[in-house]
Amino acid sequence: MTITGALVVFTLGWWISFFVVLPIGVRGQFEDGEPVPGTEEGAPSKPMLAKKALWATGGGLLITILAAIIIPRFFSP
C-alpha cells in the first residue's frame, strides 16, 4: 500500500469511526436540567468531541493497519 493509499484509507476510517462513536454517551440538555436559552432541547449538554476524536483516531489507525495487512495478501496480482 502506498502512502497516498494509506492516507485515503486512514481518512475514510477516521470519519467512519467518528460517526460510529459520535452518539455514545450523549445526553440531551433536557435530560440534564435546564436547557440553554435559544438552543434545541435535544442538543447535547457535553458532547465530549475531543475524547471522541481520539477514539476515532484509534479506529482509523486500526482500519488502516488491517487494510495494509489484508490488501497485499489477498488482492495482489
PDB file of N, CA and C in Angstrom:
ATOM      1  N   MET A   1       0.851  -1.165   0.000  1.00  0.00           N
ATOM      2  CA  MET A   1       0.000   0.000   0.000  1.00  0.00           C
ATOM      3  C   MET A   1       0.903   1.236   0.000  1.00  0.00           C
ATOM      4  N   THR A   2       0.598   2.172  -0.870  1.00  0.00           N
ATOM      5  CA  THR A   2       1.383   3.403  -0.935  1.00  0.00           C
ATOM      6  C   THR A   2       0.984   4.338   0.203  1.00  0.00           C
ATOM      7  N   ILE A   3       1.780   5.364   0.395  1.00  0.00           N
ATOM      8  CA  ILE A   3       1.471   6.350   1.444  1.00  0.00           C
ATOM      9  C   ILE A   3       0.176   7.076   1.121  1.00  0.00           C
ATOM     10  N   THR A   4      -0.027   7.388  -0.137  1.00  0.00           N
ATOM     11  CA  THR A   4      -1.275   8.045  -0.529  1.00  0.00           C
ATOM     12  C   THR A   4      -2.469   7.134  -0.252  1.00  0.00           C
ATOM     13  N   GLY A   5      -2.341   5.878  -0.576  1.00  0.00           N
ATOM     14  CA  GLY A   5      -3.410   4.925  -0.300  1.00  0.00           C
ATOM     15  C   GLY A   5      -3.673   4.787   1.187  1.00  0.00           C
ATOM     16  N   ALA A   6      -2.600   4.766   1.985  1.00  0.00           N
ATOM     17  CA  ALA A   6      -2.761   4.676   3.429  1.00  0.00           C
ATOM     18  C   ALA A   6      -3.450   5.918   3.987  1.00  0.00           C
ATOM     19  N   LEU A   7      -3.119   7.086   3.465  1.00  0.00           N
ATOM     20  CA  LEU A   7      -3.779   8.320   3.921  1.00  0.00           C
ATOM     21  C   LEU A   7      -5.261   8.324   3.564  1.00  0.00           C
ATOM     22  N   VAL A   8      -5.589   7.836   2.382  1.00  0.00           N
ATOM     23  CA  VAL A   8      -7.000   7.764   1.975  1.00  0.00           C
ATOM     24  C   VAL A   8      -7.754   6.787   2.869  1.00  0.00           C
ATOM     25  N   VAL A   9      -7.166   5.622   3.114  1.00  0.00           N
ATOM     26  CA  VAL A   9      -7.817   4.625   3.973  1.00  0.00           C
ATOM     27  C   VAL A   9      -7.961   5.161   5.393  1.00  0.00           C
ATOM     28  N   PHE A  10      -6.905   5.830   5.901  1.00  0.00           N
ATOM     29  CA  PHE A  10      -6.984   6.399   7.250  1.00  0.00           C
ATOM     30  C   PHE A  10      -8.075   7.460   7.344  1.00  0.00           C
ATOM     31  N   THR A  11      -8.154   8.341   6.347  1.00  0.00           N
ATOM     32  CA  THR A  11      -9.168   9.399   6.370  1.00  0.00           C
ATOM     33  C   THR A  11     -10.576   8.809   6.356  1.00  0.00           C
ATOM     34  N   LEU A  12     -10.808   7.854   5.482  1.00  0.00           N
ATOM     35  CA  LEU A  12     -12.121   7.211   5.438  1.00  0.00           C
ATOM     36  C   LEU A  12     -12.405   6.459   6.735  1.00  0.00           C
ATOM     37  N   GLY A  13     -11.417   5.750   7.249  1.00  0.00           N
ATOM     38  CA  GLY A  13     -11.590   5.022   8.504  1.00  0.00           C
ATOM     39  C   GLY A  13     -11.830   5.950   9.679  1.00  0.00           C
ATOM     40  N   TRP A  14     -11.151   7.113   9.680  1.00  0.00           N
ATOM     41  CA  TRP A  14     -11.353   8.077  10.765  1.00  0.00           C
ATOM     42  C   TRP A  14     -12.782   8.588  10.764  1.00  0.00           C
ATOM     43  N   TRP A  15     -13.298   8.981   9.600  1.00  0.00           N
ATOM     44  CA  TRP A  15     -14.660   9.510   9.544  1.00  0.00           C
ATOM     45  C   TRP A  15     -15.692   8.434   9.879  1.00  0.00           C
ATOM     46  N   ILE A  16     -15.479   7.224   9.398  1.00  0.00           N
ATOM     47  CA  ILE A  16     -16.411   6.144   9.741  1.00  0.00           C
ATOM     48  C   ILE A  16     -16.395   5.906  11.247  1.00  0.00           C
ATOM     49  N   SER A  17     -15.209   5.837  11.844  1.00  0.00           N
ATOM     50  CA  SER A  17     -15.098   5.629  13.284  1.00  0.00           C
ATOM     51  C   SER A  17     -15.702   6.801  14.058  1.00  0.00           C
ATOM     52  N   PHE A  18     -15.491   8.014  13.571  1.00  0.00           N
ATOM     53  CA  PHE A  18     -16.024   9.190  14.254  1.00  0.00           C
ATOM     54  C   PHE A  18     -17.545   9.158  14.276  1.00  0.00           C
ATOM     55  N   PHE A  19     -18.155   8.811  13.148  1.00  0.00           N
ATOM     56  CA  PHE A  19     -19.616   8.754  13.117  1.00  0.00           C
ATOM     57  C   PHE A  19     -20.155   7.598  13.960  1.00  0.00           C
ATOM     58  N   VAL A  20     -19.356   6.556  14.145  1.00  0.00           N
ATOM     59  CA  VAL A  20     -19.785   5.447  14.999  1.00  0.00           C
ATOM     60  C   VAL A  20     -19.759   5.857  16.473  1.00  0.00           C
ATOM     61  N   VAL A  21     -18.700   6.549  16.915  1.00  0.00           N
ATOM     62  CA  VAL A  21     -18.580   6.912  18.330  1.00  0.00           C
ATOM     63  C   VAL A  21     -19.310   8.202  18.685  1.00  0.00           C
ATOM     64  N   LEU A  22     -19.752   8.942  17.708  1.00  0.00           N
ATOM     65  CA  LEU A  22     -20.393  10.238  17.980  1.00  0.00           C
ATOM     66  C   LEU A  22     -21.604  10.149  18.907  1.00  0.00           C
ATOM     67  N   PRO A  23     -22.524   9.215  18.747  1.00  0.00           N
ATOM     68  CA  PRO A  23     -23.691   9.209  19.638  1.00  0.00           C
ATOM     69  C   PRO A  23     -23.463   8.552  21.003  1.00  0.00           C
ATOM     70  N   ILE A  24     -22.285   7.989  21.249  1.00  0.00           N
ATOM     71  CA  ILE A  24     -22.044   7.272  22.502  1.00  0.00           C
ATOM     72  C   ILE A  24     -21.916   8.255  23.661  1.00  0.00           C
ATOM     73  N   GLY A  25     -22.704   8.020  24.702  1.00  0.00           N
ATOM     74  CA  GLY A  25     -22.612   8.823  25.926  1.00  0.00           C
ATOM     75  C   GLY A  25     -23.208  10.200  25.846  1.00  0.00           C
ATOM     76  N   VAL A  26     -23.987  10.488  24.832  1.00  0.00           N
ATOM     77  CA  VAL A  26     -24.559  11.832  24.683  1.00  0.00           C
ATOM     78  C   VAL A  26     -25.859  11.920  25.466  1.00  0.00           C
ATOM     79  N   ARG A  27     -25.971  12.960  26.254  1.00  0.00           N
ATOM     80  CA  ARG A  27     -27.212  13.249  26.979  1.00  0.00           C
ATOM     81  C   ARG A  27     -27.703  14.613  26.523  1.00  0.00           C
ATOM     82  N   GLY A  28     -28.999  14.686  26.245  1.00  0.00           N
ATOM     83  CA  GLY A  28     -29.594  15.943  25.810  1.00  0.00           C
ATOM     84  C   GLY A  28     -29.690  16.934  26.955  1.00  0.00           C
ATOM     85  N   GLN A  29     -29.846  18.212  26.605  1.00  0.00           N
ATOM     86  CA  GLN A  29     -29.953  19.252  27.627  1.00  0.00           C
ATOM     87  C   GLN A  29     -31.197  19.054  28.489  1.00  0.00           C
ATOM     88  N   PHE A  30     -32.258  18.531  27.898  1.00  0.00           N
ATOM     89  CA  PHE A  30     -33.480  18.330  28.669  1.00  0.00           C
ATOM     90  C   PHE A  30     -33.303  17.234  29.720  1.00  0.00           C
ATOM     91  N   GLU A  31     -32.346  16.325  29.521  1.00  0.00           N
ATOM     92  CA  GLU A  31     -32.090  15.260  30.493  1.00  0.00           C
ATOM     93  C   GLU A  31     -31.247  15.754  31.667  1.00  0.00           C
ATOM     94  N   ASP A  32     -30.416  16.761  31.433  1.00  0.00           N
ATOM     95  CA  ASP A  32     -29.526  17.270  32.480  1.00  0.00           C
ATOM     96  C   ASP A  32     -30.095  18.451  33.244  1.00  0.00           C
ATOM     97  N   GLY A  33     -31.266  18.883  32.911  1.00  0.00           N
ATOM     98  CA  GLY A  33     -31.852  20.005  33.639  1.00  0.00           C
ATOM     99  C   GLY A  33     -32.355  21.069  32.698  1.00  0.00           C
ATOM    100  N   GLU A  34     -32.012  22.297  32.995  1.00  0.00           N
ATOM    101  CA  GLU A  34     -32.497  23.463  32.250  1.00  0.00           C
ATOM    102  C   GLU A  34     -31.700  23.650  30.961  1.00  0.00           C
ATOM    103  N   PRO A  35     -32.382  23.644  29.781  1.00  0.00           N
ATOM    104  CA  PRO A  35     -31.665  23.889  28.522  1.00  0.00           C
ATOM    105  C   PRO A  35     -31.187  25.340  28.415  1.00  0.00           C
ATOM    106  N   VAL A  36     -30.113  25.542  27.692  1.00  0.00           N
ATOM    107  CA  VAL A  36     -29.599  26.886  27.440  1.00  0.00           C
ATOM    108  C   VAL A  36     -30.601  27.608  26.552  1.00  0.00           C
ATOM    109  N   PRO A  37     -30.991  28.837  26.914  1.00  0.00           N
ATOM    110  CA  PRO A  37     -31.965  29.560  26.086  1.00  0.00           C
ATOM    111  C   PRO A  37     -31.472  29.754  24.653  1.00  0.00           C
ATOM    112  N   GLY A  38     -32.352  29.501  23.691  1.00  0.00           N
ATOM    113  CA  GLY A  38     -32.032  29.690  22.286  1.00  0.00           C
ATOM    114  C   GLY A  38     -31.456  28.462  21.614  1.00  0.00           C
ATOM    115  N   THR A  39     -31.344  27.354  22.345  1.00  0.00           N
ATOM    116  CA  THR A  39     -30.820  26.132  21.749  1.00  0.00           C
ATOM    117  C   THR A  39     -31.895  25.049  21.763  1.00  0.00           C
ATOM    118  N   GLU A  40     -31.676  24.032  20.964  1.00  0.00           N
ATOM    119  CA  GLU A  40     -32.583  22.895  20.905  1.00  0.00           C
ATOM    120  C   GLU A  40     -32.481  22.096  22.201  1.00  0.00           C
ATOM    121  N   GLU A  41     -33.610  21.638  22.723  1.00  0.00           N
ATOM    122  CA  GLU A  41     -33.594  20.876  23.972  1.00  0.00           C
ATOM    123  C   GLU A  41     -32.843  19.557  23.833  1.00  0.00           C
ATOM    124  N   GLY A  42     -32.850  18.971  22.640  1.00  0.00           N
ATOM    125  CA  GLY A  42     -32.164  17.704  22.420  1.00  0.00           C
ATOM    126  C   GLY A  42     -30.683  17.844  22.131  1.00  0.00           C
ATOM    127  N   ALA A  43     -30.175  19.082  22.067  1.00  0.00           N
ATOM    128  CA  ALA A  43     -28.748  19.286  21.808  1.00  0.00           C
ATOM    129  C   ALA A  43     -27.937  18.737  22.976  1.00  0.00           C
ATOM    130  N   PRO A  44     -26.784  18.145  22.695  1.00  0.00           N
ATOM    131  CA  PRO A  44     -26.003  17.562  23.790  1.00  0.00           C
ATOM    132  C   PRO A  44     -25.477  18.625  24.744  1.00  0.00           C
ATOM    133  N   SER A  45     -25.529  18.300  26.031  1.00  0.00           N
ATOM    134  CA  SER A  45     -25.007  19.237  27.019  1.00  0.00           C
ATOM    135  C   SER A  45     -23.482  19.135  27.111  1.00  0.00           C
ATOM    136  N   LYS A  46     -22.940  17.930  26.972  1.00  0.00           N
ATOM    137  CA  LYS A  46     -21.484  17.708  26.984  1.00  0.00           C
ATOM    138  C   LYS A  46     -21.155  16.758  25.836  1.00  0.00           C
ATOM    139  N   PRO A  47     -20.807  17.268  24.661  1.00  0.00           N
ATOM    140  CA  PRO A  47     -20.583  16.380  23.512  1.00  0.00           C
ATOM    141  C   PRO A  47     -19.292  15.568  23.572  1.00  0.00           C
ATOM    142  N   MET A  48     -18.311  15.962  24.364  1.00  0.00           N
ATOM    143  CA  MET A  48     -17.036  15.234  24.519  1.00  0.00           C
ATOM    144  C   MET A  48     -16.359  14.980  23.171  1.00  0.00           C
ATOM    145  N   LEU A  49     -16.253  16.005  22.342  1.00  0.00           N
ATOM    146  CA  LEU A  49     -15.708  15.829  20.996  1.00  0.00           C
ATOM    147  C   LEU A  49     -14.221  15.478  20.978  1.00  0.00           C
ATOM    148  N   ALA A  50     -13.442  16.007  21.902  1.00  0.00           N
ATOM    149  CA  ALA A  50     -12.010  15.689  21.917  1.00  0.00           C
ATOM    150  C   ALA A  50     -11.788  14.205  22.202  1.00  0.00           C
ATOM    151  N   LYS A  51     -12.504  13.660  23.175  1.00  0.00           N
ATOM    152  CA  LYS A  51     -12.386  12.236  23.503  1.00  0.00           C
ATOM    153  C   LYS A  51     -12.836  11.375  22.327  1.00  0.00           C
ATOM    154  N   LYS A  52     -13.897  11.787  21.662  1.00  0.00           N
ATOM    155  CA  LYS A  52     -14.404  11.019  20.526  1.00  0.00           C
ATOM    156  C   LYS A  52     -13.467  11.107  19.329  1.00  0.00           C
ATOM    157  N   ALA A  53     -12.790  12.245  19.159  1.00  0.00           N
ATOM    158  CA  ALA A  53     -11.809  12.370  18.078  1.00  0.00           C
ATOM    159  C   ALA A  53     -10.618  11.441  18.327  1.00  0.00           C
ATOM    160  N   LEU A  54     -10.214  11.293  19.600  1.00  0.00           N
ATOM    161  CA  LEU A  54      -9.133  10.354  19.919  1.00  0.00           C
ATOM    162  C   LEU A  54      -9.556   8.916  19.644  1.00  0.00           C
ATOM    163  N   TRP A  55     -10.776   8.554  20.016  1.00  0.00           N
ATOM    164  CA  TRP A  55     -11.273   7.212  19.728  1.00  0.00           C
ATOM    165  C   TRP A  55     -11.356   6.980  18.223  1.00  0.00           C
ATOM    166  N   ALA A  56     -11.773   7.999  17.479  1.00  0.00           N
ATOM    167  CA  ALA A  56     -11.853   7.875  16.024  1.00  0.00           C
ATOM    168  C   ALA A  56     -10.461   7.722  15.419  1.00  0.00           C
ATOM    169  N   THR A  57      -9.463   8.382  15.993  1.00  0.00           N
ATOM    170  CA  THR A  57      -8.092   8.236  15.513  1.00  0.00           C
ATOM    171  C   THR A  57      -7.608   6.805  15.717  1.00  0.00           C
ATOM    172  N   GLY A  58      -7.913   6.238  16.873  1.00  0.00           N
ATOM    173  CA  GLY A  58      -7.560   4.837  17.116  1.00  0.00           C
ATOM    174  C   GLY A  58      -8.264   3.901  16.152  1.00  0.00           C
ATOM    175  N   GLY A  59      -9.544   4.173  15.895  1.00  0.00           N
ATOM    176  CA  GLY A  59     -10.288   3.360  14.935  1.00  0.00           C
ATOM    177  C   GLY A  59      -9.738   3.493  13.531  1.00  0.00           C
ATOM    178  N   GLY A  60      -9.368   4.711  13.143  1.00  0.00           N
ATOM    179  CA  GLY A  60      -8.782   4.924  11.822  1.00  0.00           C
ATOM    180  C   GLY A  60      -7.452   4.209  11.667  1.00  0.00           C
ATOM    181  N   LEU A  61      -6.636   4.232  12.720  1.00  0.00           N
ATOM    182  CA  LEU A  61      -5.360   3.509  12.675  1.00  0.00           C
ATOM    183  C   LEU A  61      -5.580   2.002  12.576  1.00  0.00           C
ATOM    184  N   LEU A  62      -6.531   1.492  13.338  1.00  0.00           N
ATOM    185  CA  LEU A  62      -6.829   0.067  13.292  1.00  0.00           C
ATOM    186  C   LEU A  62      -7.296  -0.354  11.900  1.00  0.00           C
ATOM    187  N   ILE A  63      -8.186   0.427  11.304  1.00  0.00           N
ATOM    188  CA  ILE A  63      -8.679   0.124   9.957  1.00  0.00           C
ATOM    189  C   ILE A  63      -7.543   0.191   8.939  1.00  0.00           C
ATOM    190  N   THR A  64      -6.660   1.180   9.082  1.00  0.00           N
ATOM    191  CA  THR A  64      -5.528   1.314   8.161  1.00  0.00           C
ATOM    192  C   THR A  64      -4.573   0.135   8.287  1.00  0.00           C
ATOM    193  N   ILE A  65      -4.286  -0.279   9.510  1.00  0.00           N
ATOM    194  CA  ILE A  65      -3.386  -1.419   9.721  1.00  0.00           C
ATOM    195  C   ILE A  65      -3.994  -2.697   9.148  1.00  0.00           C
ATOM    196  N   LEU A  66      -5.287  -2.899   9.403  1.00  0.00           N
ATOM    197  CA  LEU A  66      -5.952  -4.085   8.849  1.00  0.00           C
ATOM    198  C   LEU A  66      -5.944  -4.066   7.321  1.00  0.00           C
ATOM    199  N   ALA A  67      -6.188  -2.902   6.739  1.00  0.00           N
ATOM    200  CA  ALA A  67      -6.173  -2.798   5.277  1.00  0.00           C
ATOM    201  C   ALA A  67      -4.768  -3.045   4.732  1.00  0.00           C
ATOM    202  N   ALA A  68      -3.742  -2.560   5.431  1.00  0.00           N
ATOM    203  CA  ALA A  68      -2.364  -2.772   4.983  1.00  0.00           C
ATOM    204  C   ALA A  68      -1.981  -4.248   5.042  1.00  0.00           C
ATOM    205  N   ILE A  69      -2.586  -4.991   5.954  1.00  0.00           N
ATOM    206  CA  ILE A  69      -2.298  -6.420   6.056  1.00  0.00           C
ATOM    207  C   ILE A  69      -3.117  -7.211   5.040  1.00  0.00           C
ATOM    208  N   ILE A  70      -4.397  -6.886   4.916  1.00  0.00           N
ATOM    209  CA  ILE A  70      -5.312  -7.685   4.096  1.00  0.00           C
ATOM    210  C   ILE A  70      -5.149  -7.422   2.600  1.00  0.00           C
ATOM    211  N   ILE A  71      -5.013  -6.196   2.183  1.00  0.00           N
ATOM    212  CA  ILE A  71      -4.987  -5.876   0.751  1.00  0.00           C
ATOM    213  C   ILE A  71      -3.822  -6.553   0.027  1.00  0.00           C
ATOM    214  N   PRO A  72      -2.575  -6.463   0.482  1.00  0.00           N
ATOM    215  CA  PRO A  72      -1.499  -7.128  -0.260  1.00  0.00           C
ATOM    216  C   PRO A  72      -1.599  -8.655  -0.237  1.00  0.00           C
ATOM    217  N   ARG A  73      -2.114  -9.201   0.848  1.00  0.00           N
ATOM    218  CA  ARG A  73      -2.160 -10.651   0.983  1.00  0.00           C
ATOM    219  C   ARG A  73      -3.197 -11.291   0.061  1.00  0.00           C
ATOM    220  N   PHE A  74      -4.366 -10.677  -0.079  1.00  0.00           N
ATOM    221  CA  PHE A  74      -5.444 -11.306  -0.829  1.00  0.00           C
ATOM    222  C   PHE A  74      -5.723 -10.673  -2.195  1.00  0.00           C
ATOM    223  N   PHE A  75      -5.251  -9.462  -2.412  1.00  0.00           N
ATOM    224  CA  PHE A  75      -5.593  -8.769  -3.649  1.00  0.00           C
ATOM    225  C   PHE A  75      -4.371  -8.381  -4.473  1.00  0.00           C
ATOM    226  N   SER A  76      -3.266  -9.049  -4.308  1.00  0.00           N
ATOM    227  CA  SER A  76      -2.088  -8.740  -5.126  1.00  0.00           C
ATOM    228  C   SER A  76      -2.167  -9.497  -6.442  1.00  0.00           C
ATOM    229  N   PRO A  77      -1.670  -8.894  -7.512  1.00  0.00           N
ATOM    230  CA  PRO A  77      -1.747  -9.537  -8.822  1.00  0.00           C
ATOM    231  C   PRO A  77      -0.863 -10.748  -8.969  1.00  0.00           C
TER     232      PRO A  77
END
